[in-house]
Protein backbone atom coordinates (compact mmCIF):
# COMPACT_ATOMS: atom_id res chain seq x y z
CA MET A 1 0.00 0.00 0.00
CA GLY A 2 1.56 3.30 -1.08
CA ASN A 3 1.79 6.40 1.10
CA ASN A 4 -0.99 8.16 -0.80
CA THR A 5 -3.33 5.21 -0.30
CA LYS A 6 -2.49 5.10 3.42
CA LEU A 7 -3.27 8.80 3.73
CA TRP A 8 -6.53 8.38 1.82
CA VAL A 9 -7.63 5.50 4.06
CA ALA A 10 -6.68 7.44 7.20
CA ASP A 11 -8.65 10.46 5.95
CA LEU A 12 -11.64 8.25 5.15
CA ILE A 13 -11.62 6.70 8.63
CA THR A 14 -11.26 10.08 10.32
CA THR A 15 -14.09 11.53 8.25
CA CYS A 16 -16.42 8.64 9.03
CA LEU A 17 -15.75 8.59 12.76
CA GLY A 18 -15.80 12.26 13.56
CA GLY A 19 -17.80 15.44 13.44
CA ARG A 20 -20.95 15.94 11.45
CA ASN A 21 -20.76 12.59 9.62
CA ARG A 22 -20.87 10.63 12.85
CA LYS A 23 -23.51 12.92 14.37
CA VAL A 24 -25.93 12.47 11.48
CA ALA A 25 -25.15 8.76 11.02
CA GLU A 26 -25.91 8.13 14.69
CA ALA A 27 -29.23 9.96 14.39
CA PHE A 28 -30.03 8.03 11.21
CA ALA A 29 -29.32 4.69 12.91
CA LYS A 30 -31.15 5.72 16.09
CA HIS A 31 -34.30 6.30 14.03
CA GLY A 32 -33.80 3.01 12.15
CA GLY A 33 -33.49 4.80 8.83
CA THR A 34 -37.03 6.16 9.07
CA ARG A 35 -35.79 9.76 8.80
CA SER A 36 -33.94 10.71 5.62
CA PHE A 37 -30.42 12.05 5.53
CA ASP A 38 -31.80 15.24 3.94
CA GLU A 39 -34.12 15.73 6.90
CA LEU A 40 -31.40 15.03 9.46
CA GLU A 41 -28.87 17.26 7.67
CA GLY A 42 -31.34 20.13 7.75
CA GLU A 43 -32.08 19.62 11.42
CA LEU A 44 -28.60 18.86 12.72
CA LEU A 45 -26.26 20.64 10.29
CA ASN A 46 -28.07 23.87 9.44
CA GLY A 47 -28.09 23.07 5.74
CA GLN A 48 -24.60 21.59 5.41
CA LYS A 49 -24.45 18.38 3.39
CA LEU A 50 -22.74 15.07 4.07
CA GLN A 51 -20.33 13.99 1.38
CA GLY A 52 -20.88 10.27 1.94
CA VAL A 53 -24.51 10.28 0.87
CA LEU A 54 -23.69 12.12 -2.35
CA THR A 55 -20.68 9.88 -2.99
CA ALA A 56 -22.77 6.73 -2.48
CA ALA A 57 -25.19 7.95 -5.15
CA GLU A 58 -22.35 8.74 -7.56
CA VAL A 59 -20.67 5.36 -7.02
CA PHE A 60 -23.99 3.59 -7.53
CA SER A 61 -24.53 5.47 -10.82
CA VAL A 62 -21.14 4.35 -12.11
CA LEU A 63 -21.68 0.75 -11.05
CA GLU A 64 -25.12 0.73 -12.65
CA ALA A 65 -23.85 2.26 -15.90
CA LYS A 66 -21.09 -0.34 -16.13
CA THR A 67 -23.42 -3.16 -14.97
CA TRP A 68 -20.99 -3.94 -12.14
CA GLU A 69 -23.59 -4.00 -9.36
CA GLU A 70 -23.13 -7.71 -8.58
CA SER A 71 -19.36 -7.24 -8.24
CA PHE A 72 -19.70 -4.62 -5.49
CA PRO A 73 -22.35 -5.77 -2.98
CA LEU A 74 -21.00 -3.60 -0.15
CA PHE A 75 -21.48 -0.43 -2.22
CA LEU A 76 -24.98 -1.56 -3.14
CA THR A 77 -25.79 -2.11 0.53
CA VAL A 78 -24.48 1.33 1.50
CA HIS A 79 -26.48 2.97 -1.30
CA ALA A 80 -29.64 1.07 -0.33
CA ILE A 81 -29.24 2.22 3.27
CA ALA A 82 -28.60 5.84 2.26
CA THR A 83 -31.63 5.94 -0.03
CA GLY A 84 -33.98 4.21 2.36
CA PRO A 85 -35.09 0.85 0.99
CA VAL A 86 -33.20 -1.06 3.68
CA PRO A 87 -32.55 -0.27 7.37
CA PRO A 88 -29.11 0.69 8.73
CA SER A 89 -28.82 -2.78 10.28
CA ALA A 90 -28.31 -4.16 6.76
CA ILE A 91 -24.64 -3.19 6.96
CA VAL A 92 -24.18 -5.50 9.94
CA GLU A 93 -26.07 -8.27 8.19
CA TYR A 94 -23.88 -7.79 5.09
CA SER A 95 -20.75 -7.95 7.23
CA GLU A 96 -21.87 -11.19 8.89
CA ARG A 97 -22.65 -12.78 5.51
CA ALA A 98 -19.27 -11.69 4.10
CA ARG A 99 -17.40 -13.31 7.01
CA LYS A 100 -19.07 -16.64 6.30
CA LEU A 101 -17.89 -16.69 2.67
């Protein structure tokens, strides 16, 4: 793993575990995904947006355009959680299934 990749991964972890991303993600999970990220952003962030939700949509669009959905089930799970069809607990269920493979 090169230095740039290590820095990118460290930045990703820091972003996910701190500040507004964690605050909104905790609220989203607390409500079982019944409140949208848009609603929670408006309430908790005074109009600021989370990058992860937008990035999940962009990644999904690329995967869909390339018909690579089946090759990236984790990204599909994250997108499905962010857009509401599945509850936040789906990420844990995905993780448990992946460990059994």
